[in-house]
Amino acid sequence: MTRRVPSVPLALLTLSALVGLGGCATFTNVDRVASVNGTDIGRSEFEAMTVDYFAHPELFGTTPPADGRGSADNLRALLAIVTQARLLHEVADADQLADAKQAALEALPEGDPVLEMSPEMQNLYSDLAARQTVLGGVAAPSSAELERRYVESPASAGVLCVRHILVDTEAEARQASRRLADGEDFATLAAEVSLDTVTGADGGAVPGSMGPCWTLGEAFQGLVPEFVHHARALSGLAPSAPFETQYGWHIVASLPWSEVGEAVAAIHAPGSTGDVQYVAALFTADVEVDPAYGVWDSGTVEIVPIG
């Protein structure tokens, strides 16, 4: 068993998600507060946003600063949203995004408080307001590109298409791992030894709600975190090392492209591929955060306290 009941919706944020929000680096007190896939979020840019953020608790649910210091939880929440917005630019068409951002600002009624905010906060607002529009227009990768991404790293294609073996003990898991290394077939071994008899009968395949694959967003909501952590790190068809969850010890491997290619292409259908690609960008991003704020949690796409 690998499934769980989802408790927290995936944080694909709009401006309304700012309301009520409560990679380790070593660059405190320099000119950046975070780095997203090598692109910096500047300290002066972020500080300009925090002025508006704390000046409008009625919009953002922020706690008034005490002794000149803003709430650490509030600051982490804002920086996470800025980080997520930056990743939108890696998926969306630049011209379409620019047009949608401009339209979002022009649609605000006269006197809207956003129009009185800093250019930096208006930029963030328009990113978030334009997100769904521009993601709906993102083109799907070609079949060849999807296959390349999947073979290199299924998570980079926005999917997990996996099979697993579940046993009681680490010793049993390591024995199964040795048998796989010696050339035994994964599906046959799963049918023989896996305690998950439902998936074992199908060679260990862990199906999603509509086929052999999960989108990353579905996986993080529907599977236990340790399972997803190891599954999304897979490259090629090599099985993972044994790992433990609350259900026992697992070995997980990706299904071959020949078995899932059509399902992956269906997930990337026009109109939905943008969301899939954006979530893939969120969960696979290389994010470093100034330790003064915390650390990026790639499992929740949030910034959490260190320790």
C-alpha atoms as a PDB file:
ATOM      1  CA  MET A   1       0.000   0.000   0.000  1.00  0.00           C
ATOM      2  CA  THR A   2       1.359   3.398  -0.973  1.00  0.00           C
ATOM      3  CA  ARG A   3      -1.705   5.614  -1.035  1.00  0.00           C
ATOM      4  CA  ARG A   4      -2.789   8.176   1.519  1.00  0.00           C
ATOM      5  CA  VAL A   5      -5.703  10.524   1.905  1.00  0.00           C
ATOM      6  CA  PRO A   6      -4.584  13.979   0.705  1.00  0.00           C
ATOM      7  CA  SER A   7      -4.661  16.572   3.453  1.00  0.00           C
ATOM      8  CA  VAL A   8      -3.397  19.816   1.878  1.00  0.00           C
ATOM      9  CA  PRO A   9      -4.249  20.925  -1.670  1.00  0.00           C
ATOM     10  CA  LEU A  10      -1.332  21.535  -3.989  1.00  0.00           C
ATOM     11  CA  ALA A  11      -0.301  25.178  -3.725  1.00  0.00           C
ATOM     12  CA  LEU A  12      -0.809  26.468  -7.247  1.00  0.00           C
ATOM     13  CA  LEU A  13      -1.317  30.020  -6.168  1.00  0.00           C
ATOM     14  CA  THR A  14      -3.447  32.960  -7.212  1.00  0.00           C
ATOM     15  CA  LEU A  15      -3.523  36.309  -5.438  1.00  0.00           C
ATOM     16  CA  SER A  16      -6.325  35.077  -3.183  1.00  0.00           C
ATOM     17  CA  ALA A  17      -3.979  32.385  -1.915  1.00  0.00           C
ATOM     18  CA  LEU A  18      -1.894  35.128  -0.318  1.00  0.00           C
ATOM     19  CA  VAL A  19      -4.759  35.798   2.058  1.00  0.00           C
ATOM     20  CA  GLY A  20      -4.434  34.036   5.392  1.00  0.00           C
ATOM     21  CA  LEU A  21      -1.052  32.457   4.697  1.00  0.00           C
ATOM     22  CA  GLY A  22       0.486  32.083   7.900  1.00  0.00           C
ATOM     23  CA  GLY A  23      18.508  23.866  -0.971  1.00  0.00           C
ATOM     24  CA  CYS A  24      20.324  25.417   1.901  1.00  0.00           C
ATOM     25  CA  ALA A  25      22.442  28.433   1.063  1.00  0.00           C
ATOM     26  CA  THR A  26      24.950  30.605   2.852  1.00  0.00           C
ATOM     27  CA  PHE A  27      24.333  34.063   1.439  1.00  0.00           C
ATOM     28  CA  THR A  28      22.770  36.035   4.319  1.00  0.00           C
ATOM     29  CA  ASN A  29      23.242  39.805   3.988  1.00  0.00           C
ATOM     30  CA  VAL A  30      24.131  39.808   0.297  1.00  0.00           C
ATOM     31  CA  ASP A  31      22.065  41.123  -2.573  1.00  0.00           C
ATOM     32  CA  ARG A  32      19.770  38.142  -3.068  1.00  0.00           C
ATOM     33  CA  VAL A  33      17.226  36.382  -0.904  1.00  0.00           C
ATOM     34  CA  ALA A  34      16.850  33.317  -3.118  1.00  0.00           C
ATOM     35  CA  SER A  35      18.039  31.766  -6.352  1.00  0.00           C
ATOM     36  CA  VAL A  36      15.676  29.896  -8.709  1.00  0.00           C
ATOM     37  CA  ASN A  37      17.436  27.693 -11.268  1.00  0.00           C
ATOM     38  CA  GLY A  38      20.362  30.073 -11.162  1.00  0.00           C
ATOM     39  CA  THR A  39      18.333  33.304 -11.406  1.00  0.00           C
ATOM     40  CA  ASP A  40      18.414  35.541  -8.335  1.00  0.00           C
ATOM     41  CA  ILE A  41      15.520  37.109  -6.459  1.00  0.00           C
ATOM     42  CA  GLY A  42      17.092  40.390  -5.397  1.00  0.00           C
ATOM     43  CA  ARG A  43      16.962  41.562  -1.816  1.00  0.00           C
ATOM     44  CA  SER A  44      15.869  45.112  -2.706  1.00  0.00           C
ATOM     45  CA  GLU A  45      13.124  43.738  -4.966  1.00  0.00           C
ATOM     46  CA  PHE A  46      11.834  41.453  -2.226  1.00  0.00           C
ATOM     47  CA  GLU A  47      11.996  44.133   0.435  1.00  0.00           C
ATOM     48  CA  ALA A  48       9.904  46.455  -1.758  1.00  0.00           C
ATOM     49  CA  MET A  49       7.233  43.741  -1.877  1.00  0.00           C
ATOM     50  CA  THR A  50       7.329  43.233   1.885  1.00  0.00           C
ATOM     51  CA  VAL A  51       6.454  46.904   2.444  1.00  0.00           C
ATOM     52  CA  ASP A  52       3.180  46.441   0.553  1.00  0.00           C
ATOM     53  CA  TYR A  53       2.675  42.995   2.040  1.00  0.00           C
ATOM     54  CA  PHE A  54       2.690  44.234   5.623  1.00  0.00           C
ATOM     55  CA  ALA A  55       0.931  47.505   4.800  1.00  0.00           C
ATOM     56  CA  HIS A  56      -2.187  45.639   3.635  1.00  0.00           C
ATOM     57  CA  PRO A  57      -3.116  43.021   6.248  1.00  0.00           C
ATOM     58  CA  GLU A  58      -6.727  43.273   5.065  1.00  0.00           C
ATOM     59  CA  LEU A  59      -5.615  41.804   1.708  1.00  0.00           C
ATOM     60  CA  PHE A  60      -2.810  39.497   2.666  1.00  0.00           C
ATOM     61  CA  GLY A  61      -3.633  38.363   6.188  1.00  0.00           C
ATOM     62  CA  THR A  62      -0.257  39.518   7.443  1.00  0.00           C
ATOM     63  CA  THR A  63       0.605  40.143  11.077  1.00  0.00           C
ATOM     64  CA  PRO A  64       1.703  43.752  11.769  1.00  0.00           C
ATOM     65  CA  PRO A  65       5.482  43.985  12.243  1.00  0.00           C
ATOM     66  CA  ALA A  66       6.717  44.048  15.840  1.00  0.00           C
ATOM     67  CA  ASP A  67       9.781  46.135  16.708  1.00  0.00           C
ATOM     68  CA  GLY A  68      10.338  46.693  13.002  1.00  0.00           C
ATOM     69  CA  ARG A  69      10.450  42.965  12.230  1.00  0.00           C
ATOM     70  CA  GLY A  70       7.893  41.186  10.085  1.00  0.00           C
ATOM     71  CA  SER A  71       6.520  37.769  10.961  1.00  0.00           C
ATOM     72  CA  ALA A  72       8.925  35.037   9.844  1.00  0.00           C
ATOM     73  CA  ASP A  73       5.987  32.884   8.730  1.00  0.00           C
ATOM     74  CA  ASN A  74       4.615  35.751   6.646  1.00  0.00           C
ATOM     75  CA  LEU A  75       7.995  36.390   5.037  1.00  0.00           C
ATOM     76  CA  ARG A  76       8.506  32.713   4.197  1.00  0.00           C
ATOM     77  CA  ALA A  77       5.041  32.574   2.644  1.00  0.00           C
ATOM     78  CA  LEU A  78       5.689  35.618   0.494  1.00  0.00           C
ATOM     79  CA  LEU A  79       9.108  34.412  -0.647  1.00  0.00           C
ATOM     80  CA  ALA A  80       7.641  31.024  -1.575  1.00  0.00           C
ATOM     81  CA  ILE A  81       5.005  32.725  -3.717  1.00  0.00           C
ATOM     82  CA  VAL A  82       7.639  34.872  -5.421  1.00  0.00           C
ATOM     83  CA  THR A  83       9.648  31.708  -6.111  1.00  0.00           C
ATOM     84  CA  GLN A  84       6.629  29.928  -7.554  1.00  0.00           C
ATOM     85  CA  ALA A  85       5.821  32.934  -9.723  1.00  0.00           C
ATOM     86  CA  ARG A  86       9.375  32.971 -11.098  1.00  0.00           C
ATOM     87  CA  LEU A  87       8.951  29.404 -12.282  1.00  0.00           C
ATOM     88  CA  LEU A  88       5.898  30.416 -14.284  1.00  0.00           C
ATOM     89  CA  HIS A  89       8.255  32.316 -16.584  1.00  0.00           C
ATOM     90  CA  GLU A  90      10.106  29.090 -17.404  1.00  0.00           C
ATOM     91  CA  VAL A  91       6.941  27.435 -18.731  1.00  0.00           C
ATOM     92  CA  ALA A  92       4.836  30.205 -20.273  1.00  0.00           C
ATOM     93  CA  ASP A  93       5.451  31.900 -23.593  1.00  0.00           C
ATOM     94  CA  ALA A  94       7.120  35.222 -22.782  1.00  0.00           C
ATOM     95  CA  ASP A  95       4.998  37.337 -25.114  1.00  0.00           C
ATOM     96  CA  GLN A  96       1.730  35.722 -24.040  1.00  0.00           C
ATOM     97  CA  LEU A  97       2.662  36.162 -20.400  1.00  0.00           C
ATOM     98  CA  ALA A  98       3.544  39.823 -20.884  1.00  0.00           C
ATOM     99  CA  ASP A  99       0.223  40.469 -22.619  1.00  0.00           C
ATOM    100  CA  ALA A 100      -1.760  38.619 -19.945  1.00  0.00           C
ATOM    101  CA  LYS A 101       0.028  40.474 -17.149  1.00  0.00           C
ATOM    102  CA  GLN A 102      -0.725  43.824 -18.729  1.00  0.00           C
ATOM    103  CA  ALA A 103      -4.373  42.845 -19.227  1.00  0.00           C
ATOM    104  CA  ALA A 104      -4.645  41.780 -15.570  1.00  0.00           C
ATOM    105  CA  LEU A 105      -3.451  45.177 -14.369  1.00  0.00           C
ATOM    106  CA  GLU A 106      -5.652  47.061 -16.813  1.00  0.00           C
ATOM    107  CA  ALA A 107      -8.677  45.087 -15.609  1.00  0.00           C
ATOM    108  CA  LEU A 108      -8.317  46.402 -12.057  1.00  0.00           C
ATOM    109  CA  PRO A 109     -10.924  49.026 -11.178  1.00  0.00           C
ATOM    110  CA  GLU A 110      -9.885  52.571 -10.422  1.00  0.00           C
ATOM    111  CA  GLY A 111      -8.817  52.874  -6.800  1.00  0.00           C
ATOM    112  CA  ASP A 112      -7.864  49.205  -6.420  1.00  0.00           C
ATOM    113  CA  PRO A 113      -5.093  49.064  -3.782  1.00  0.00           C
ATOM    114  CA  VAL A 114      -2.832  47.031  -6.066  1.00  0.00           C
ATOM    115  CA  LEU A 115      -2.543  50.071  -8.340  1.00  0.00           C
ATOM    116  CA  GLU A 116      -0.998  52.005  -5.449  1.00  0.00           C
ATOM    117  CA  MET A 117       1.573  49.345  -4.669  1.00  0.00           C
ATOM    118  CA  SER A 118       5.191  49.162  -5.747  1.00  0.00           C
ATOM    119  CA  PRO A 119       6.097  48.036  -9.282  1.00  0.00           C
ATOM    120  CA  GLU A 120       7.577  44.908  -7.709  1.00  0.00           C
ATOM    121  CA  MET A 121       4.292  43.935  -6.030  1.00  0.00           C
ATOM    122  CA  GLN A 122       2.297  44.796  -9.138  1.00  0.00           C
ATOM    123  CA  ASN A 123       4.629  42.511 -11.078  1.00  0.00           C
ATOM    124  CA  LEU A 124       3.973  39.687  -8.617  1.00  0.00           C
ATOM    125  CA  TYR A 125       0.223  40.322  -8.689  1.00  0.00           C
ATOM    126  CA  SER A 126       0.120  40.241 -12.477  1.00  0.00           C
ATOM    127  CA  ASP A 127       2.170  37.020 -12.594  1.00  0.00           C
ATOM    128  CA  LEU A 128      -0.332  35.311 -10.338  1.00  0.00           C
ATOM    129  CA  ALA A 129      -3.385  36.818 -12.008  1.00  0.00           C
ATOM    130  CA  ALA A 130      -2.169  35.747 -15.455  1.00  0.00           C
ATOM    131  CA  ARG A 131      -1.083  32.257 -14.466  1.00  0.00           C
ATOM    132  CA  GLN A 132      -4.123  30.240 -15.424  1.00  0.00           C
ATOM    133  CA  THR A 133      -4.655  32.127 -18.662  1.00  0.00           C
ATOM    134  CA  VAL A 134      -1.136  31.588 -19.929  1.00  0.00           C
ATOM    135  CA  LEU A 135      -0.852  27.992 -18.736  1.00  0.00           C
ATOM    136  CA  GLY A 136      -3.976  27.163 -20.686  1.00  0.00           C
ATOM    137  CA  GLY A 137      -2.171  28.253 -23.844  1.00  0.00           C
ATOM    138  CA  VAL A 138       1.101  26.400 -23.331  1.00  0.00           C
ATOM    139  CA  ALA A 139       1.922  24.052 -26.190  1.00  0.00           C
ATOM    140  CA  ALA A 140       2.523  20.381 -25.487  1.00  0.00           C
ATOM    141  CA  PRO A 141       6.039  19.057 -26.085  1.00  0.00           C
ATOM    142  CA  SER A 142       6.483  16.865 -29.143  1.00  0.00           C
ATOM    143  CA  SER A 143       6.364  13.089 -28.707  1.00  0.00           C
ATOM    144  CA  ALA A 144      10.108  12.953 -29.195  1.00  0.00           C
ATOM    145  CA  GLU A 145      10.686  15.640 -26.565  1.00  0.00           C
ATOM    146  CA  LEU A 146       8.344  13.941 -24.085  1.00  0.00           C
ATOM    147  CA  GLU A 147      10.141  10.644 -24.598  1.00  0.00           C
ATOM    148  CA  ARG A 148      13.511  12.321 -24.108  1.00  0.00           C
ATOM    149  CA  ARG A 149      12.371  13.931 -20.869  1.00  0.00           C
ATOM    150  CA  TYR A 150      10.741  10.755 -19.593  1.00  0.00           C
ATOM    151  CA  VAL A 151      13.738   8.556 -20.315  1.00  0.00           C
ATOM    152  CA  GLU A 152      16.064  11.071 -18.693  1.00  0.00           C
ATOM    153  CA  SER A 153      13.836  11.750 -15.675  1.00  0.00           C
ATOM    154  CA  PRO A 154      10.082  11.023 -15.599  1.00  0.00           C
ATOM    155  CA  ALA A 155       9.586  13.833 -13.087  1.00  0.00           C
ATOM    156  CA  SER A 156      10.899  16.330 -15.643  1.00  0.00           C
ATOM    157  CA  ALA A 157       8.015  15.219 -17.888  1.00  0.00           C
ATOM    158  CA  GLY A 158       5.641  15.961 -15.021  1.00  0.00           C
ATOM    159  CA  VAL A 159       4.699  12.338 -14.407  1.00  0.00           C
ATOM    160  CA  LEU A 160       5.387   9.278 -12.318  1.00  0.00           C
ATOM    161  CA  CYS A 161       4.685   5.948 -14.045  1.00  0.00           C
ATOM    162  CA  VAL A 162       5.984   3.370 -11.614  1.00  0.00           C
ATOM    163  CA  ARG A 163       5.881  -0.153 -10.293  1.00  0.00           C
ATOM    164  CA  HIS A 164       6.996  -1.311  -6.875  1.00  0.00           C
ATOM    165  CA  ILE A 165       7.800  -4.263  -4.702  1.00  0.00           C
ATOM    166  CA  LEU A 166       6.696  -4.143  -1.053  1.00  0.00           C
ATOM    167  CA  VAL A 167       8.139  -6.426   1.630  1.00  0.00           C
ATOM    168  CA  ASP A 168       8.201  -6.445   5.426  1.00  0.00           C
ATOM    169  CA  THR A 169      11.876  -6.035   6.259  1.00  0.00           C
ATOM    170  CA  GLU A 170      15.009  -4.319   5.030  1.00  0.00           C
ATOM    171  CA  ALA A 171      16.701  -7.706   4.667  1.00  0.00           C
ATOM    172  CA  GLU A 172      13.935  -8.910   2.339  1.00  0.00           C
ATOM    173  CA  ALA A 173      14.128  -5.689   0.346  1.00  0.00           C
ATOM    174  CA  ARG A 174      17.878  -6.004  -0.072  1.00  0.00           C
ATOM    175  CA  GLN A 175      17.507  -9.607  -1.176  1.00  0.00           C
ATOM    176  CA  ALA A 176      14.947  -8.507  -3.803  1.00  0.00           C
ATOM    177  CA  SER A 177      17.303  -5.726  -4.880  1.00  0.00           C
ATOM    178  CA  ARG A 178      20.106  -8.241  -5.393  1.00  0.00           C
ATOM    179  CA  ARG A 179      17.839 -10.459  -7.468  1.00  0.00           C
ATOM    180  CA  LEU A 180      16.977  -7.503  -9.697  1.00  0.00           C
ATOM    181  CA  ALA A 181      20.666  -6.639 -10.035  1.00  0.00           C
ATOM    182  CA  ASP A 182      21.298 -10.223 -11.114  1.00  0.00           C
ATOM    183  CA  GLY A 183      18.864  -9.749 -13.990  1.00  0.00           C
ATOM    184  CA  GLU A 184      15.521 -11.036 -12.707  1.00  0.00           C
ATOM    185  CA  ASP A 185      12.437  -9.423 -14.210  1.00  0.00           C
ATOM    186  CA  PHE A 186      10.867  -6.767 -11.996  1.00  0.00           C
ATOM    187  CA  ALA A 187       7.255  -7.689 -12.817  1.00  0.00           C
ATOM    188  CA  THR A 188       7.844 -11.384 -12.214  1.00  0.00           C
ATOM    189  CA  LEU A 189       9.581 -10.718  -8.915  1.00  0.00           C
ATOM    190  CA  ALA A 190       6.809  -8.356  -7.804  1.00  0.00           C
ATOM    191  CA  ALA A 191       4.204 -11.037  -8.486  1.00  0.00           C
ATOM    192  CA  GLU A 192       6.251 -13.499  -6.459  1.00  0.00           C
ATOM    193  CA  VAL A 193       7.263 -11.556  -3.356  1.00  0.00           C
ATOM    194  CA  SER A 194       5.349  -8.267  -3.071  1.00  0.00           C
ATOM    195  CA  LEU A 195       2.985  -7.927  -0.118  1.00  0.00           C
ATOM    196  CA  ASP A 196       0.934  -5.481  -2.181  1.00  0.00           C
ATOM    197  CA  THR A 197      -1.046  -8.216  -3.857  1.00  0.00           C
ATOM    198  CA  VAL A 198      -3.198  -5.763  -5.811  1.00  0.00           C
ATOM    199  CA  THR A 199      -0.268  -4.218  -7.670  1.00  0.00           C
ATOM    200  CA  GLY A 200       1.792  -7.396  -7.531  1.00  0.00           C
ATOM    201  CA  ALA A 201      -0.745  -9.137  -9.732  1.00  0.00           C
ATOM    202  CA  ASP A 202       0.010  -6.486 -12.358  1.00  0.00           C
ATOM    203  CA  GLY A 203       3.776  -6.652 -12.105  1.00  0.00           C
ATOM    204  CA  GLY A 204       3.871  -4.097  -9.304  1.00  0.00           C
ATOM    205  CA  ALA A 205       2.381  -1.250 -11.390  1.00  0.00           C
ATOM    206  CA  VAL A 206       0.879   1.572  -9.282  1.00  0.00           C
ATOM    207  CA  PRO A 207      -1.851   3.081 -11.490  1.00  0.00           C
ATOM    208  CA  GLY A 208      -3.152   6.615 -11.259  1.00  0.00           C
ATOM    209  CA  SER A 209      -6.789   7.573 -11.392  1.00  0.00           C
ATOM    210  CA  MET A 210      -7.018   7.361 -15.187  1.00  0.00           C
ATOM    211  CA  GLY A 211      -4.205   5.121 -16.361  1.00  0.00           C
ATOM    212  CA  PRO A 212      -0.700   3.866 -15.604  1.00  0.00           C
ATOM    213  CA  CYS A 213       0.699   7.305 -14.712  1.00  0.00           C
ATOM    214  CA  TRP A 214       0.322   9.976 -12.068  1.00  0.00           C
ATOM    215  CA  THR A 215       0.962  13.638 -12.624  1.00  0.00           C
ATOM    216  CA  LEU A 216       3.369  14.967 -10.015  1.00  0.00           C
ATOM    217  CA  GLY A 217       0.562  17.001  -8.469  1.00  0.00           C
ATOM    218  CA  GLU A 218      -1.643  13.916  -8.108  1.00  0.00           C
ATOM    219  CA  ALA A 219       1.240  11.882  -6.722  1.00  0.00           C
ATOM    220  CA  PHE A 220       2.080  14.379  -3.998  1.00  0.00           C
ATOM    221  CA  GLN A 221      -1.557  14.407  -2.927  1.00  0.00           C
ATOM    222  CA  GLY A 222      -2.327  10.719  -3.284  1.00  0.00           C
ATOM    223  CA  LEU A 223       0.840   8.803  -2.370  1.00  0.00           C
ATOM    224  CA  VAL A 224       2.907   8.778   0.784  1.00  0.00           C
ATOM    225  CA  PRO A 225       5.716  11.385   0.677  1.00  0.00           C
ATOM    226  CA  GLU A 226       8.628   8.946   1.021  1.00  0.00           C
ATOM    227  CA  PHE A 227       7.344   6.938  -1.925  1.00  0.00           C
ATOM    228  CA  VAL A 228       7.061  10.028  -4.126  1.00  0.00           C
ATOM    229  CA  HIS A 229      10.481  11.280  -3.028  1.00  0.00           C
ATOM    230  CA  HIS A 230      12.169   8.115  -4.262  1.00  0.00           C
ATOM    231  CA  ALA A 231       9.969   7.685  -7.327  1.00  0.00           C
ATOM    232  CA  ARG A 232      10.616  11.170  -8.656  1.00  0.00           C
ATOM    233  CA  ALA A 233      14.381  10.672  -8.309  1.00  0.00           C
ATOM    234  CA  LEU A 234      14.340   7.767 -10.770  1.00  0.00           C
ATOM    235  CA  SER A 235      16.318   8.010 -13.977  1.00  0.00           C
ATOM    236  CA  GLY A 236      15.927   5.496 -16.758  1.00  0.00           C
ATOM    237  CA  LEU A 237      14.617   2.057 -15.829  1.00  0.00           C
ATOM    238  CA  ALA A 238      17.051   1.313 -13.012  1.00  0.00           C
ATOM    239  CA  PRO A 239      15.204   0.438  -9.778  1.00  0.00           C
ATOM    240  CA  SER A 240      15.649   2.489  -6.640  1.00  0.00           C
ATOM    241  CA  ALA A 241      17.553   1.365  -3.613  1.00  0.00           C
ATOM    242  CA  PRO A 242      15.300  -0.114  -0.916  1.00  0.00           C
ATOM    243  CA  PHE A 243      13.506   2.473   1.219  1.00  0.00           C
ATOM    244  CA  GLU A 244      11.014   2.390   4.072  1.00  0.00           C
ATOM    245  CA  THR A 245       7.531   3.863   4.443  1.00  0.00           C
ATOM    246  CA  GLN A 246       4.816   3.292   7.009  1.00  0.00           C
ATOM    247  CA  TYR A 247       3.721   0.258   4.980  1.00  0.00           C
ATOM    248  CA  GLY A 248       7.059  -1.553   4.845  1.00  0.00           C
ATOM    249  CA  TRP A 249      10.111  -1.639   2.581  1.00  0.00           C
ATOM    250  CA  HIS A 250       9.846  -0.742  -1.098  1.00  0.00           C
ATOM    251  CA  ILE A 251      11.783  -0.899  -4.315  1.00  0.00           C
ATOM    252  CA  VAL A 252      10.388   1.287  -7.081  1.00  0.00           C
ATOM    253  CA  ALA A 253      11.150   1.548 -10.791  1.00  0.00           C
ATOM    254  CA  SER A 254       9.763   3.472 -13.744  1.00  0.00           C
ATOM    255  CA  LEU A 255       7.670   1.707 -16.340  1.00  0.00           C
ATOM    256  CA  PRO A 256       9.235   1.684 -19.826  1.00  0.00           C
ATOM    257  CA  TRP A 257       8.251   4.363 -22.313  1.00  0.00           C
ATOM    258  CA  SER A 258       6.908   1.689 -24.660  1.00  0.00           C
ATOM    259  CA  GLU A 259       4.204   0.924 -22.077  1.00  0.00           C
ATOM    260  CA  VAL A 260       3.312   4.457 -20.991  1.00  0.00           C
ATOM    261  CA  GLY A 261       4.120   6.774 -23.894  1.00  0.00           C
ATOM    262  CA  GLU A 262       0.496   7.128 -24.988  1.00  0.00           C
ATOM    263  CA  ALA A 263      -0.600   7.824 -21.399  1.00  0.00           C
ATOM    264  CA  VAL A 264       2.063  10.499 -20.943  1.00  0.00           C
ATOM    265  CA  ALA A 265       1.049  12.134 -24.234  1.00  0.00           C
ATOM    266  CA  ALA A 266      -2.597  12.125 -23.091  1.00  0.00           C
ATOM    267  CA  ILE A 267      -1.625  13.861 -19.846  1.00  0.00           C
ATOM    268  CA  HIS A 268       0.029  16.563 -21.949  1.00  0.00           C
ATOM    269  CA  ALA A 269      -3.095  17.233 -24.010  1.00  0.00           C
ATOM    270  CA  PRO A 270      -3.676  20.833 -25.122  1.00  0.00           C
ATOM    271  CA  GLY A 271      -5.259  22.832 -22.332  1.00  0.00           C
ATOM    272  CA  SER A 272      -3.804  20.675 -19.563  1.00  0.00           C
ATOM    273  CA  THR A 273      -0.140  20.412 -20.498  1.00  0.00           C
ATOM    274  CA  GLY A 274       0.635  23.867 -19.111  1.00  0.00           C
ATOM    275  CA  ASP A 275      -0.457  22.915 -15.610  1.00  0.00           C
ATOM    276  CA  VAL A 276       1.488  19.646 -15.820  1.00  0.00           C
ATOM    277  CA  GLN A 277       4.636  21.408 -17.002  1.00  0.00           C
ATOM    278  CA  TYR A 278       4.310  24.117 -14.356  1.00  0.00           C
ATOM    279  CA  VAL A 279       3.936  21.586 -11.548  1.00  0.00           C
ATOM    280  CA  ALA A 280       6.947  19.714 -12.926  1.00  0.00           C
ATOM    281  CA  ALA A 281       8.903  22.980 -12.833  1.00  0.00           C
ATOM    282  CA  LEU A 282       7.832  23.578  -9.229  1.00  0.00           C
ATOM    283  CA  PHE A 283       8.782  20.132  -7.975  1.00  0.00           C
ATOM    284  CA  THR A 284      12.070  19.814  -9.856  1.00  0.00           C
ATOM    285  CA  ALA A 285      13.400  23.371  -9.475  1.00  0.00           C
ATOM    286  CA  ASP A 286      16.843  24.069  -8.090  1.00  0.00           C
ATOM    287  CA  VAL A 287      16.007  26.619  -5.393  1.00  0.00           C
ATOM    288  CA  GLU A 288      18.398  28.086  -2.846  1.00  0.00           C
ATOM    289  CA  VAL A 289      17.072  30.313  -0.074  1.00  0.00           C
ATOM    290  CA  ASP A 290      18.884  32.656   2.277  1.00  0.00           C
ATOM    291  CA  PRO A 291      18.984  30.680   5.548  1.00  0.00           C
ATOM    292  CA  ALA A 292      17.679  33.756   7.345  1.00  0.00           C
ATOM    293  CA  TYR A 293      14.303  32.861   5.818  1.00  0.00           C
ATOM    294  CA  GLY A 294      14.480  29.075   5.802  1.00  0.00           C
ATOM    295  CA  VAL A 295      14.939  26.351   3.222  1.00  0.00           C
ATOM    296  CA  TRP A 296      12.980  25.346   0.107  1.00  0.00           C
ATOM    297  CA  ASP A 297      10.926  22.189   0.631  1.00  0.00           C
ATOM    298  CA  SER A 298      10.647  20.580  -2.798  1.00  0.00           C
ATOM    299  CA  GLY A 299       7.921  18.257  -1.556  1.00  0.00           C
ATOM    300  CA  THR A 300       5.530  21.039  -0.590  1.00  0.00           C
ATOM    301  CA  VAL A 301       6.976  23.806  -2.818  1.00  0.00           C
ATOM    302  CA  GLU A 302       7.133  26.056   0.223  1.00  0.00           C
ATOM    303  CA  ILE A 303       9.831  27.637   2.358  1.00  0.00           C
ATOM    304  CA  VAL A 304      10.087  26.082   5.792  1.00  0.00           C
ATOM    305  CA  PRO A 305      12.184  26.907   8.854  1.00  0.00           C
ATOM    306  CA  ILE A 306      15.588  25.286   9.101  1.00  0.00           C
ATOM    307  CA  GLY A 307      15.805  22.519  11.651  1.00  0.00           C
END
